[in-house]
Amino acid sequence: MKQFKNIQRSFFITFILAISGMIVTPVYASEFHVTTSQELQTALSTAAENNQSDSIFLAAGIYKGNFRMNTEESDTSITIQAEEGLNAGNVILDGEERDRVLLIDSGNNELNINIENITVRNGKVSGGAGIRIKTKGEVTIDKCNIQNNYSTSHGGGFYFESASNIYITKTNFNNNTAYNSSSSENVYGAGLYVISIDLFSFSDNNVFSNDTNSNNTNWRSAGTGTLYVTAKEVLFRSNSISKNNAKSNSAFRISASSKMVFENNTINNNENNNYSDYGSGTIGISAPEVEFNNNHITNNKGVGYITGNNLLMLESNSIINNSGSSNGVMRLSSILFTARNNIVTSNDSYDKGCLYITSSGTINLINNTISKNKTKGYGGGIYLDINNTTAILNLYNNIIWGNTAENEGSDIYLNGYGSKKNSYNNNVHDIVGTFDFSVNNIDVAPLFINTEKNDYHLGAGSLCINAGTNDAPEIPGLDLDGNPRIGDNTVDIGAYEHSSTDYHPADANNDWTLTSAEVTAYETAWKNGSQWSEGPAQIPMNYLTRAGFLQQSAGAYENAGGAKPLCWIPVD
């Protein structure tokens, strides 16, 4: 067995300042290489007392035990990571369901904490079964697996409190549980519980198959949020949240006192025990300012609510095939609310619209496609609550068509008078309520390409093509596909701009014919991971297979105007 190593590297830098005569004290760092559970705990205990910035490297293996570091050190750091060349699958901390796996507590001191390439599993305790951290310093978690931990209170996987900033990247949270059998206790955050921090940054993570629940009869707090966060600022980017379960907000409940940015996340197949009630759903978000962009929300039992107290921007999101609550599939509220380039289709609401929107200020809906949604109540597409006398409603270039309501307002239900209600260049069929100004609106079948396959691009001959107004406020520069928004000098109605002029990127000379040489060059670039000058710089596999199909079908092709790459079809 390898012996425990403590390699102490002292970096001594002495500065003599000619003017002041001040001597700056030495800066030390310790490095530990461990191979056993006892060596790991000894390293943590030593690091807690040496007043140095420490790094602990773990060899491959399973480290069984319940590890801790209690320290009063400040302005130092602790790094716990796999040895170079190893990943989280090679280095495992296993709590054996006896207690918490790892505790790091520096109280109110500024200890910076870094954990990388570690699996933390099988913790069982009340409050942070996998990892519990308390510090005023920064915390970084990178490329870790947090799995199969069980808390009888908050934070099945992680429990953080009081940190200044938390950065979590490329980490898996799966099969963690937060559960309490009490009929009066609240439970939050099977995957993650974070409170009272400055910045919460969560990017490129995978959160799946976690369960948050209790027997509390107050379902809104009984089991809330696989991810439960309160912070000043939140950055939430490029995460996958799927197959989680809770009584309320199964994916996350996150609140900020300043600003939130949610971008490029995939949220699907999450379940809620009370999804038909308002406040439940998959997500719960609240902050003074919220940017919610380029997210894909599909096949969830309930979506939930987004509250931007002062500002809410909802742009280029796909909200498809979700079931909703008594206040819509998604409840949206803000003083200034803008929704652009969103597609909202095939959702089923218990009452009050697929989208339930309320504001005391201004609502701007611009170039959205809302279709094939249904509700048991009012407003199958949108329920707009504008009871406040200061509210202003602006609808520009939207397709809100083909929705159904068992009561009234299959497409739009207007509740209240507001200050002013404007509707310009929309395609809407069934409306309950009246607008102060209604100009250039149409009521025709949009001629979508293929709604059975969720392709809501405009087909050739659609009267929505070139039927919008370029004078819409805050008109987006790109459509939902990322293509230029205005073609043929006039904007289209809906989330997608119709285009039948784009060549396949492999068509090097743009002659509507793909040759064997062109496809071979395209394939070679794909194999080498090379950047391509036209179309997506990183060649998608389905673009390559489409090019091969077209070339084998005699080479000549055309653009039918639908979703890429299926829009490119052989010429008959």
Protein backbone atom coordinates (compact mmCIF):
# COMPACT_ATOMS: atom_id res chain seq x y z
CA MET A 1 0.00 0.00 0.00
CA LYS A 2 1.27 3.42 -0.85
CA GLN A 3 2.15 5.54 2.13
CA PHE A 4 0.33 8.81 2.75
CA LYS A 5 2.30 11.69 1.27
CA ASN A 6 2.34 15.29 2.38
CA ILE A 7 4.37 17.26 -0.08
CA GLN A 8 4.63 20.78 1.24
CA ARG A 9 5.71 23.37 -1.23
CA SER A 10 6.59 26.69 0.28
CA PHE A 11 6.58 29.69 -1.90
CA PHE A 12 8.42 32.44 -0.07
CA ILE A 13 8.31 35.88 -1.57
CA THR A 14 9.65 38.78 0.40
CA PHE A 15 8.97 42.29 -0.74
CA ILE A 16 10.92 45.11 0.84
CA LEU A 17 9.22 48.35 0.06
CA ALA A 18 11.84 51.07 0.01
CA ILE A 19 9.45 53.78 1.06
CA SER A 20 7.51 52.06 3.83
CA GLY A 21 9.95 49.38 4.86
CA MET A 22 7.07 46.88 4.92
CA ILE A 23 7.83 43.16 4.67
CA VAL A 24 5.07 40.98 3.25
CA THR A 25 4.69 37.59 4.99
CA PRO A 26 5.40 34.32 3.14
CA VAL A 27 2.67 32.51 1.20
CA TYR A 28 2.55 28.70 1.67
CA ALA A 29 0.67 25.89 -0.02
CA SER A 30 0.40 22.21 0.87
CA GLU A 31 -0.23 19.32 -1.49
CA PHE A 32 -1.50 15.90 -0.39
CA HIS A 33 -1.71 12.71 -2.45
CA VAL A 34 -4.00 10.12 -0.88
CA THR A 35 -4.95 6.52 -1.62
CA THR A 36 -7.15 5.49 1.36
CA SER A 37 -10.10 6.82 3.34
CA GLN A 38 -7.92 7.42 6.39
CA GLU A 39 -5.37 9.34 4.37
CA LEU A 40 -8.15 11.51 2.97
CA GLN A 41 -9.51 12.36 6.42
CA THR A 42 -5.99 13.01 7.74
CA ALA A 43 -5.36 15.39 4.85
CA LEU A 44 -8.63 17.23 5.55
CA SER A 45 -7.81 17.49 9.27
CA THR A 46 -4.31 18.76 8.53
CA ALA A 47 -5.59 21.28 6.01
CA ALA A 48 -8.08 22.57 8.56
CA GLU A 49 -5.26 23.70 10.87
CA ASN A 50 -2.21 24.58 8.78
CA ASN A 51 -3.47 28.00 7.65
CA GLN A 52 -2.35 27.30 4.09
CA SER A 53 -3.97 26.88 0.70
CA ASP A 54 -4.19 23.11 0.31
CA SER A 55 -4.71 20.68 -2.56
CA ILE A 56 -5.77 17.07 -2.02
CA PHE A 57 -5.32 14.66 -4.94
CA LEU A 58 -7.14 11.32 -4.83
CA ALA A 59 -5.94 8.16 -6.54
CA ALA A 60 -8.44 5.90 -8.26
CA GLY A 61 -10.63 3.96 -5.86
CA ILE A 62 -13.67 3.96 -3.58
CA TYR A 63 -13.23 5.99 -0.39
CA LYS A 64 -15.78 4.76 2.12
CA GLY A 65 -16.57 6.98 5.07
CA ASN A 66 -18.02 10.24 6.31
CA PHE A 67 -15.45 12.97 5.78
CA ARG A 68 -15.26 16.42 7.32
CA MET A 69 -13.21 19.59 7.51
CA ASN A 70 -14.05 22.09 10.25
CA THR A 71 -11.81 25.12 10.11
CA GLU A 72 -11.57 28.74 11.15
CA GLU A 73 -9.09 29.59 8.41
CA SER A 74 -9.70 32.64 6.24
CA ASP A 75 -8.18 33.88 2.97
CA THR A 76 -7.03 30.35 2.11
CA SER A 77 -8.39 27.60 -0.13
CA ILE A 78 -8.98 23.86 -0.24
CA THR A 79 -9.00 21.88 -3.49
CA ILE A 80 -10.20 18.27 -3.59
CA GLN A 81 -9.75 16.55 -6.93
CA ALA A 82 -8.87 13.34 -8.73
CA GLU A 83 -5.27 12.74 -9.67
CA GLU A 84 -4.34 13.98 -13.13
CA GLY A 85 -5.78 11.81 -15.88
CA LEU A 86 -8.65 10.48 -13.75
CA ASN A 87 -12.32 11.45 -13.82
CA ALA A 88 -15.31 11.24 -11.49
CA GLY A 89 -15.95 7.63 -12.47
CA ASN A 90 -12.53 6.66 -11.12
CA VAL A 91 -12.67 8.43 -7.74
CA ILE A 92 -15.69 7.78 -5.51
CA LEU A 93 -16.55 9.01 -2.02
CA ASP A 94 -19.13 6.59 -0.58
CA GLY A 95 -21.07 7.42 2.59
CA GLU A 96 -22.45 3.86 2.86
CA GLU A 97 -25.81 5.37 3.93
CA ARG A 98 -24.35 5.97 7.41
CA ASP A 99 -24.09 9.77 7.43
CA ARG A 100 -23.14 12.75 5.28
CA VAL A 101 -20.40 12.00 2.76
CA LEU A 102 -18.48 15.30 3.01
CA LEU A 103 -18.76 18.34 5.30
CA ILE A 104 -16.67 21.49 4.87
CA ASP A 105 -17.46 24.20 7.42
CA SER A 106 -15.43 27.38 7.77
CA GLY A 107 -18.20 29.28 9.54
CA ASN A 108 -18.11 32.95 8.63
CA ASN A 109 -14.55 32.81 7.30
CA GLU A 110 -13.54 33.19 3.65
CA LEU A 111 -12.34 29.74 2.67
CA ASN A 112 -12.42 29.15 -1.09
CA ILE A 113 -13.43 25.59 -1.99
CA ASN A 114 -12.81 23.67 -5.23
CA ILE A 115 -14.04 20.12 -5.89
CA GLU A 116 -13.29 18.47 -9.23
CA ASN A 117 -13.68 15.05 -10.86
CA ILE A 118 -15.17 13.34 -7.79
CA THR A 119 -18.24 11.11 -7.35
CA VAL A 120 -20.16 11.61 -4.10
CA ARG A 121 -22.71 8.93 -3.35
CA ASN A 122 -24.77 7.10 -0.72
CA GLY A 123 -24.95 9.82 1.90
CA LYS A 124 -27.86 9.71 4.34
CA VAL A 125 -28.57 12.42 6.90
CA SER A 126 -30.79 15.42 7.61
CA GLY A 127 -29.65 18.42 5.55
CA GLY A 128 -27.08 17.90 2.81
CA ALA A 129 -26.53 14.16 2.55
CA GLY A 130 -23.95 14.29 -0.23
CA ILE A 131 -21.98 17.47 0.47
CA ARG A 132 -22.66 20.28 2.91
CA ILE A 133 -20.63 23.46 2.70
CA LYS A 134 -20.63 26.62 4.77
CA THR A 135 -18.20 29.40 3.91
CA LYS A 136 -18.01 33.08 3.04
CA GLY A 137 -15.59 32.26 0.24
CA GLU A 138 -16.19 31.08 -3.32
CA VAL A 139 -17.19 27.51 -4.17
CA THR A 140 -16.43 25.75 -7.46
CA ILE A 141 -17.77 22.30 -8.37
CA ASP A 142 -16.61 20.92 -11.72
CA LYS A 143 -17.13 17.58 -13.49
CA CYS A 144 -18.51 15.75 -10.46
CA ASN A 145 -21.22 13.11 -9.96
CA ILE A 146 -23.64 13.62 -7.08
CA GLN A 147 -25.82 10.54 -6.86
CA ASN A 148 -27.94 8.29 -4.65
CA ASN A 149 -27.90 10.57 -1.60
CA TYR A 150 -30.86 10.73 0.81
CA SER A 151 -31.73 13.65 3.08
CA THR A 152 -34.57 13.68 5.59
CA SER A 153 -34.62 17.46 5.23
CA HIS A 154 -33.29 19.90 2.62
CA GLY A 155 -30.55 19.19 0.09
CA GLY A 156 -30.31 15.54 -0.86
CA GLY A 157 -27.20 16.00 -3.00
CA PHE A 158 -25.73 19.40 -2.02
CA TYR A 159 -26.43 21.89 0.75
CA PHE A 160 -24.74 25.29 0.50
CA GLU A 161 -25.09 28.30 2.74
CA SER A 162 -23.47 31.71 3.05
CA ALA A 163 -20.99 31.40 0.17
CA SER A 164 -20.18 34.56 -1.79
CA ASN A 165 -20.25 32.94 -5.24
CA ILE A 166 -20.97 29.38 -6.36
CA TYR A 167 -19.91 28.01 -9.76
CA ILE A 168 -21.17 24.54 -10.73
CA THR A 169 -20.24 23.15 -14.15
CA LYS A 170 -20.43 19.83 -16.01
CA THR A 171 -21.78 17.98 -12.98
CA ASN A 172 -24.40 15.23 -12.79
CA PHE A 173 -27.08 15.25 -10.09
CA ASN A 174 -29.06 12.03 -10.22
CA ASN A 175 -31.17 9.77 -8.01
CA ASN A 176 -30.93 12.03 -4.97
CA THR A 177 -33.83 12.29 -2.52
CA ALA A 178 -35.12 14.83 -0.03
CA TYR A 179 -38.00 13.35 1.92
CA ASN A 180 -39.67 13.84 5.29
CA SER A 181 -42.54 11.74 6.58
CA SER A 182 -43.85 14.50 8.87
CA SER A 183 -47.22 16.05 8.04
CA SER A 184 -45.91 19.52 9.00
CA GLU A 185 -42.30 19.67 7.77
CA ASN A 186 -41.27 21.35 4.50
CA VAL A 187 -38.65 19.81 2.25
CA TYR A 188 -36.60 21.58 -0.46
CA GLY A 189 -34.03 20.55 -3.05
CA ALA A 190 -33.41 16.85 -3.64
CA GLY A 191 -30.49 17.68 -5.89
CA LEU A 192 -29.34 21.02 -4.54
CA TYR A 193 -30.25 23.44 -1.74
CA VAL A 194 -28.54 26.84 -1.83
CA ILE A 195 -29.40 29.82 0.35
CA SER A 196 -28.07 33.31 1.04
CA ILE A 197 -25.36 33.70 -1.60
CA ASP A 198 -24.30 36.47 -3.95
CA LEU A 199 -23.91 34.70 -7.32
CA PHE A 200 -25.19 31.28 -8.35
CA SER A 201 -23.72 30.13 -11.68
CA PHE A 202 -24.97 26.76 -12.98
CA SER A 203 -23.83 25.67 -16.45
CA ASP A 204 -23.58 22.49 -18.56
CA ASN A 205 -24.98 20.27 -15.82
CA ASN A 206 -27.26 17.23 -16.02
CA VAL A 207 -29.98 16.92 -13.36
CA PHE A 208 -32.17 13.84 -13.59
CA SER A 209 -34.26 11.33 -11.64
CA ASN A 210 -34.27 13.18 -8.31
CA ASP A 211 -37.23 13.15 -5.90
CA THR A 212 -38.38 15.86 -3.46
CA ASN A 213 -41.36 15.03 -1.29
CA SER A 214 -42.96 14.93 2.16
CA ASN A 215 -46.29 14.19 3.79
CA ASN A 216 -46.97 17.86 4.51
CA THR A 217 -50.58 18.60 3.57
CA ASN A 218 -49.52 22.06 2.32
CA TRP A 219 -48.43 20.84 -1.13
CA ARG A 220 -46.85 24.17 -2.18
CA SER A 221 -44.00 23.69 0.28
CA ALA A 222 -44.26 19.97 1.01
CA GLY A 223 -41.68 18.90 -1.55
CA THR A 224 -40.29 21.76 -3.59
CA GLY A 225 -37.66 21.96 -6.27
CA THR A 226 -34.99 19.48 -7.29
CA LEU A 227 -32.87 22.64 -7.33
CA TYR A 228 -33.79 25.19 -4.65
CA VAL A 229 -31.83 28.44 -4.73
CA THR A 230 -31.97 31.91 -3.21
CA ALA A 231 -29.27 34.33 -4.39
CA LYS A 232 -28.67 37.91 -5.42
CA GLU A 233 -27.89 36.96 -9.03
CA VAL A 234 -28.42 33.74 -11.01
CA LEU A 235 -26.81 32.54 -14.26
CA PHE A 236 -28.38 29.27 -15.46
CA ARG A 237 -27.07 28.08 -18.84
CA SER A 238 -27.01 24.98 -21.05
CA ASN A 239 -28.31 22.51 -18.47
CA SER A 240 -30.45 19.40 -18.91
CA ILE A 241 -33.20 18.95 -16.29
CA SER A 242 -35.24 15.77 -16.75
CA LYS A 243 -37.30 13.05 -15.07
CA ASN A 244 -37.39 14.73 -11.66
CA ASN A 245 -40.35 14.51 -9.31
CA ALA A 246 -41.72 16.80 -6.59
CA LYS A 247 -44.99 17.97 -5.13
CA SER A 248 -44.16 21.46 -6.42
CA ASN A 249 -41.68 22.88 -8.98
CA SER A 250 -40.06 19.54 -9.80
CA ALA A 251 -37.19 21.03 -11.84
CA PHE A 252 -36.32 24.09 -9.76
CA ARG A 253 -37.52 26.93 -7.60
CA ILE A 254 -35.08 29.79 -7.83
CA SER A 255 -35.37 33.35 -6.58
CA ALA A 256 -32.97 36.27 -6.87
CA SER A 257 -32.93 39.74 -5.40
CA SER A 258 -31.28 41.22 -8.51
CA LYS A 259 -31.20 39.48 -11.91
CA MET A 260 -31.59 36.05 -13.49
CA VAL A 261 -30.43 34.78 -16.88
CA PHE A 262 -31.78 31.41 -18.10
CA GLU A 263 -30.38 30.37 -21.49
CA ASN A 264 -30.16 27.26 -23.67
CA ASN A 265 -31.57 24.81 -21.13
CA THR A 266 -33.51 21.63 -21.86
CA ILE A 267 -36.28 20.88 -19.37
CA ASN A 268 -38.31 17.76 -20.08
CA ASN A 269 -40.27 14.85 -18.63
CA ASN A 270 -40.46 16.22 -15.09
CA GLU A 271 -43.44 15.31 -12.91
CA ASN A 272 -45.38 16.94 -10.09
CA ASN A 273 -47.84 15.29 -7.76
CA ASN A 274 -50.04 18.41 -7.79
CA TYR A 275 -49.36 19.77 -11.27
CA SER A 276 -52.98 20.84 -11.78
CA ASP A 277 -52.72 23.45 -9.00
CA TYR A 278 -51.34 26.97 -9.45
CA GLY A 279 -47.82 27.40 -8.12
CA SER A 280 -46.86 23.80 -8.79
CA GLY A 281 -45.49 22.82 -12.17
CA THR A 282 -41.94 22.18 -13.22
CA ILE A 283 -40.33 25.57 -12.66
CA GLY A 284 -40.66 28.47 -10.27
CA ILE A 285 -38.64 31.61 -10.97
CA SER A 286 -38.80 35.06 -9.43
CA ALA A 287 -36.51 38.10 -9.59
CA PRO A 288 -36.71 41.83 -10.34
CA GLU A 289 -35.27 41.13 -13.82
CA VAL A 290 -35.49 37.82 -15.70
CA GLU A 291 -34.12 36.88 -19.13
CA PHE A 292 -35.50 33.50 -20.23
CA ASN A 293 -34.11 32.70 -23.67
CA ASN A 294 -33.55 29.71 -26.00
CA ASN A 295 -34.92 27.10 -23.60
CA HIS A 296 -36.68 23.90 -24.65
CA ILE A 297 -39.52 22.87 -22.30
CA THR A 298 -41.29 19.67 -23.31
CA ASN A 299 -43.38 16.82 -21.92
CA ASN A 300 -43.59 18.10 -18.34
CA LYS A 301 -46.54 17.73 -16.00
CA GLY A 302 -47.01 21.41 -15.40
CA VAL A 303 -44.55 24.15 -16.28
CA GLY A 304 -45.09 26.64 -13.46
CA TYR A 305 -44.44 30.36 -13.17
CA ILE A 306 -41.92 33.06 -14.05
CA THR A 307 -42.14 36.37 -12.23
CA GLY A 308 -39.94 39.27 -13.28
CA ASN A 309 -41.06 41.97 -10.90
CA ASN A 310 -39.78 44.80 -13.09
CA LEU A 311 -38.69 43.12 -16.34
CA LEU A 312 -39.32 39.75 -17.98
CA MET A 313 -37.94 38.88 -21.43
CA LEU A 314 -39.09 35.58 -22.94
CA GLU A 315 -37.35 34.97 -26.26
CA SER A 316 -36.84 32.04 -28.65
CA ASN A 317 -38.19 29.33 -26.34
CA SER A 318 -39.99 26.12 -27.31
CA ILE A 319 -42.82 25.15 -24.95
CA ILE A 320 -44.34 21.96 -26.31
CA ASN A 321 -46.57 19.15 -25.08
CA ASN A 322 -46.78 20.07 -21.39
CA SER A 323 -49.75 19.75 -19.06
CA GLY A 324 -50.71 22.78 -17.01
CA SER A 325 -52.33 24.11 -13.86
CA SER A 326 -55.34 26.18 -12.84
CA ASN A 327 -53.44 29.29 -13.99
CA GLY A 328 -52.18 28.02 -17.34
CA VAL A 329 -49.30 25.85 -18.42
CA MET A 330 -47.06 28.83 -17.64
CA ARG A 331 -47.96 31.86 -15.53
CA LEU A 332 -46.01 34.97 -16.55
CA SER A 333 -46.03 38.29 -14.75
CA SER A 334 -43.98 41.49 -14.81
CA ILE A 335 -44.38 45.25 -14.98
CA LEU A 336 -42.66 45.12 -18.39
CA PHE A 337 -43.16 41.79 -20.18
CA THR A 338 -41.90 41.02 -23.69
CA ALA A 339 -42.24 37.68 -25.50
CA ARG A 340 -40.59 37.27 -28.93
CA ASN A 341 -39.93 34.34 -31.27
CA ASN A 342 -41.45 31.72 -28.98
CA ILE A 343 -43.28 28.61 -30.12
CA VAL A 344 -45.98 27.31 -27.77
CA THR A 345 -47.81 24.25 -29.06
CA SER A 346 -49.70 21.10 -28.04
CA ASN A 347 -49.98 22.03 -24.36
CA ASP A 348 -52.97 21.13 -22.16
CA SER A 349 -54.05 23.52 -19.40
CA TYR A 350 -56.43 22.85 -16.55
CA ASP A 351 -57.78 26.43 -16.74
CA LYS A 352 -57.00 29.98 -17.89
CA GLY A 353 -55.01 29.56 -21.04
CA CYS A 354 -51.87 27.84 -22.10
CA LEU A 355 -50.07 31.08 -21.24
CA TYR A 356 -51.53 33.08 -18.38
CA ILE A 357 -50.09 36.59 -18.61
CA THR A 358 -50.65 39.42 -16.16
CA SER A 359 -49.10 42.88 -15.84
CA SER A 360 -49.78 46.29 -14.37
CA GLY A 361 -47.43 47.82 -16.95
CA THR A 362 -46.80 46.82 -20.58
CA ILE A 363 -47.18 43.48 -22.35
CA ASN A 364 -45.48 43.07 -25.75
CA LEU A 365 -46.10 39.88 -27.74
CA ILE A 366 -44.10 39.89 -30.98
CA ASN A 367 -43.68 37.16 -33.62
CA ASN A 368 -44.79 34.20 -31.53
CA THR A 369 -46.50 31.02 -32.74
CA ILE A 370 -49.14 29.68 -30.33
CA SER A 371 -51.16 26.80 -31.73
CA LYS A 372 -52.88 23.48 -30.94
CA ASN A 373 -53.09 24.21 -27.22
CA LYS A 374 -56.21 23.46 -25.21
CA THR A 375 -57.76 24.29 -21.87
CA LYS A 376 -60.71 23.12 -19.82
CA GLY A 377 -61.41 26.75 -18.96
CA TYR A 378 -60.97 30.07 -20.79
CA GLY A 379 -58.38 31.12 -23.36
CA GLY A 380 -56.90 28.04 -25.00
CA GLY A 381 -53.92 29.96 -26.40
CA ILE A 382 -53.53 32.96 -24.08
CA TYR A 383 -55.38 34.28 -21.06
CA LEU A 384 -54.47 37.97 -20.69
CA ASP A 385 -55.26 39.47 -17.29
CA ILE A 386 -55.08 43.27 -17.68
CA ASN A 387 -57.39 44.44 -14.91
CA ASN A 388 -55.02 47.19 -13.81
CA THR A 389 -56.02 50.53 -15.36
CA THR A 390 -52.37 51.30 -16.18
CA ALA A 391 -51.80 48.13 -18.24
CA ILE A 392 -50.94 48.35 -21.97
CA LEU A 393 -51.21 45.37 -24.32
CA ASN A 394 -49.41 45.19 -27.69
CA LEU A 395 -49.77 42.21 -30.05
CA TYR A 396 -47.66 42.29 -33.23
CA ASN A 397 -47.07 39.61 -35.89
CA ASN A 398 -48.28 36.63 -33.85
CA ILE A 399 -49.94 33.42 -34.98
CA ILE A 400 -52.44 32.53 -32.25
CA TRP A 401 -54.58 30.07 -34.12
CA GLY A 402 -56.03 26.57 -33.83
CA ASN A 403 -56.25 26.49 -30.03
CA THR A 404 -59.31 25.22 -28.14
CA ALA A 405 -61.12 26.14 -24.93
CA GLU A 406 -64.01 24.26 -23.37
CA ASN A 407 -65.51 27.58 -22.26
CA GLU A 408 -64.70 30.79 -24.19
CA GLY A 409 -61.84 32.32 -26.14
CA SER A 410 -60.21 29.42 -27.92
CA ASP A 411 -57.25 31.55 -28.99
CA ILE A 412 -57.32 34.68 -26.79
CA TYR A 413 -59.29 35.59 -23.68
CA LEU A 414 -59.00 39.23 -22.59
CA ASN A 415 -59.86 39.82 -18.95
CA GLY A 416 -60.11 43.49 -17.96
CA TYR A 417 -59.94 46.81 -19.74
CA GLY A 418 -56.42 48.04 -19.05
CA SER A 419 -55.26 51.39 -20.38
CA LYS A 420 -54.83 50.47 -24.06
CA LYS A 421 -55.02 47.25 -26.07
CA ASN A 422 -53.45 47.09 -29.55
CA SER A 423 -53.48 44.27 -32.12
CA TYR A 424 -51.51 44.68 -35.35
CA ASN A 425 -50.90 42.12 -38.12
CA ASN A 426 -51.77 38.97 -36.18
CA ASN A 427 -53.38 35.76 -37.38
CA VAL A 428 -56.06 34.96 -34.77
CA HIS A 429 -59.37 33.13 -35.04
CA ASP A 430 -61.36 33.18 -31.78
CA ILE A 431 -61.13 36.11 -29.34
CA VAL A 432 -63.15 37.04 -26.28
CA GLY A 433 -62.77 40.76 -25.63
CA THR A 434 -62.03 43.78 -27.81
CA PHE A 435 -58.96 45.80 -28.72
CA ASP A 436 -58.80 49.58 -28.83
CA PHE A 437 -56.94 49.31 -32.11
CA SER A 438 -57.12 46.24 -34.37
CA VAL A 439 -55.31 46.71 -37.70
CA ASN A 440 -54.36 44.34 -40.54
CA ASN A 441 -55.22 41.18 -38.64
CA ILE A 442 -56.19 38.02 -40.51
CA ASP A 443 -58.05 34.81 -39.71
CA VAL A 444 -56.81 32.03 -42.01
CA ALA A 445 -55.24 28.60 -41.70
CA PRO A 446 -51.49 29.32 -41.35
CA LEU A 447 -50.49 26.38 -43.59
CA PHE A 448 -47.81 25.02 -41.27
CA ILE A 449 -45.46 22.46 -42.84
CA ASN A 450 -46.35 19.50 -40.58
CA THR A 451 -47.91 20.01 -37.15
CA GLU A 452 -47.98 16.25 -36.47
CA LYS A 453 -44.19 16.39 -36.40
CA ASN A 454 -44.11 19.76 -34.59
CA ASP A 455 -42.94 21.57 -37.71
CA TYR A 456 -44.58 24.99 -37.49
CA HIS A 457 -42.64 26.62 -40.31
CA LEU A 458 -44.81 28.36 -42.88
CA GLY A 459 -45.49 26.37 -46.01
CA ALA A 460 -45.47 27.84 -49.50
CA GLY A 461 -48.64 29.82 -50.10
CA SER A 462 -49.23 30.71 -46.45
CA LEU A 463 -50.94 34.10 -46.12
CA CYS A 464 -48.74 34.74 -43.07
CA ILE A 465 -45.72 35.24 -45.35
CA ASN A 466 -44.89 38.95 -45.72
CA ALA A 467 -48.04 39.81 -43.75
CA GLY A 468 -46.44 41.31 -40.64
CA THR A 469 -45.50 44.88 -39.82
CA ASN A 470 -41.91 46.06 -39.66
CA ASP A 471 -43.03 48.81 -37.28
CA ALA A 472 -43.45 46.44 -34.34
CA PRO A 473 -41.49 47.63 -31.28
CA GLU A 474 -38.42 45.55 -30.42
CA ILE A 475 -38.85 43.39 -33.50
CA PRO A 476 -36.27 40.56 -33.27
CA GLY A 477 -33.34 40.59 -35.67
CA LEU A 478 -33.43 36.80 -36.10
CA ASP A 479 -36.23 34.25 -36.16
CA LEU A 480 -36.48 31.15 -33.97
CA ASP A 481 -34.14 29.25 -36.32
CA GLY A 482 -31.55 32.01 -36.07
CA ASN A 483 -32.15 33.18 -39.64
CA PRO A 484 -32.58 36.85 -40.58
CA ARG A 485 -36.01 37.96 -39.44
CA ILE A 486 -37.07 40.08 -42.40
CA GLY A 487 -37.05 38.56 -45.90
CA ASP A 488 -38.52 40.07 -49.05
CA ASN A 489 -38.56 43.45 -47.26
CA THR A 490 -41.52 42.55 -45.00
CA VAL A 491 -41.56 40.48 -41.83
CA ASP A 492 -43.63 37.29 -41.72
CA ILE A 493 -46.19 36.51 -39.03
CA GLY A 494 -45.14 33.89 -36.48
CA ALA A 495 -41.93 32.60 -34.91
CA TYR A 496 -40.34 31.43 -38.17
CA GLU A 497 -39.46 33.51 -41.22
CA HIS A 498 -40.33 31.63 -44.40
CA SER A 499 -37.36 31.05 -46.65
CA SER A 500 -36.97 28.89 -49.72
CA THR A 501 -33.77 30.51 -50.96
CA ASP A 502 -31.12 29.04 -48.63
CA TYR A 503 -28.78 26.53 -50.25
CA HIS A 504 -27.55 23.43 -48.48
CA PRO A 505 -24.18 24.36 -46.91
CA ALA A 506 -22.44 21.56 -48.85
CA ASP A 507 -23.48 23.18 -52.16
CA ALA A 508 -20.21 25.03 -52.66
CA ASN A 509 -21.12 26.81 -55.91
CA ASN A 510 -24.80 27.43 -54.99
CA ASP A 511 -26.24 25.85 -58.12
CA TRP A 512 -28.98 23.72 -56.47
CA THR A 513 -27.06 20.53 -57.26
CA LEU A 514 -24.93 18.45 -54.90
CA THR A 515 -22.08 16.59 -56.53
CA SER A 516 -20.11 13.66 -55.17
CA ALA A 517 -17.06 15.90 -54.73
CA GLU A 518 -19.03 18.47 -52.73
CA VAL A 519 -20.52 15.86 -50.39
CA THR A 520 -17.12 14.19 -49.93
CA ALA A 521 -15.56 17.52 -48.94
CA TYR A 522 -18.42 18.14 -46.51
CA GLU A 523 -18.01 14.66 -45.01
CA THR A 524 -14.25 15.10 -44.64
CA ALA A 525 -14.74 18.35 -42.75
CA TRP A 526 -17.28 16.63 -40.49
CA LYS A 527 -14.90 13.74 -39.74
CA ASN A 528 -12.05 16.14 -38.94
CA GLY A 529 -14.22 18.41 -36.83
CA SER A 530 -13.30 21.31 -39.11
CA GLN A 531 -15.26 24.56 -39.26
CA TRP A 532 -17.46 24.99 -42.34
CA SER A 533 -17.79 28.41 -43.93
CA GLU A 534 -21.53 28.20 -44.71
CA GLY A 535 -24.39 27.19 -42.43
CA PRO A 536 -23.58 25.74 -39.01
CA ALA A 537 -19.82 26.08 -38.53
CA GLN A 538 -19.76 22.75 -36.70
CA ILE A 539 -21.40 20.39 -39.18
CA PRO A 540 -24.42 18.56 -37.69
CA MET A 541 -24.74 14.86 -38.45
CA ASN A 542 -28.25 15.27 -39.88
CA TYR A 543 -27.00 17.95 -42.30
CA LEU A 544 -24.38 15.50 -43.58
CA THR A 545 -26.81 12.61 -44.01
CA ARG A 546 -29.23 14.94 -45.80
CA ALA A 547 -26.48 15.97 -48.21
CA GLY A 548 -25.73 12.31 -48.94
CA PHE A 549 -29.40 11.56 -49.51
CA LEU A 550 -29.78 14.48 -51.94
CA GLN A 551 -26.64 13.56 -53.86
CA GLN A 552 -27.78 9.94 -54.21
CA SER A 553 -31.18 11.20 -55.42
CA ALA A 554 -29.58 12.59 -58.60
CA GLY A 555 -28.15 15.67 -56.87
CA ALA A 556 -30.68 18.31 -57.90
CA TYR A 557 -32.65 19.69 -54.95
CA GLU A 558 -34.86 22.56 -53.80
CA ASN A 559 -35.77 24.30 -50.55
CA ALA A 560 -39.38 23.63 -49.52
CA GLY A 561 -39.23 26.25 -46.78
CA GLY A 562 -39.54 24.08 -43.66
CA ALA A 563 -37.17 23.17 -40.87
CA LYS A 564 -33.56 22.50 -41.79
CA PRO A 565 -32.23 20.12 -43.00
CA LEU A 566 -35.51 18.44 -44.02
CA CYS A 567 -36.48 21.54 -46.02
CA TRP A 568 -34.02 20.46 -48.73
CA ILE A 569 -35.76 17.91 -50.92
CA PRO A 570 -34.92 16.23 -54.24
CA VAL A 571 -36.33 17.81 -57.38
CA ASP A 572 -38.88 15.47 -58.94
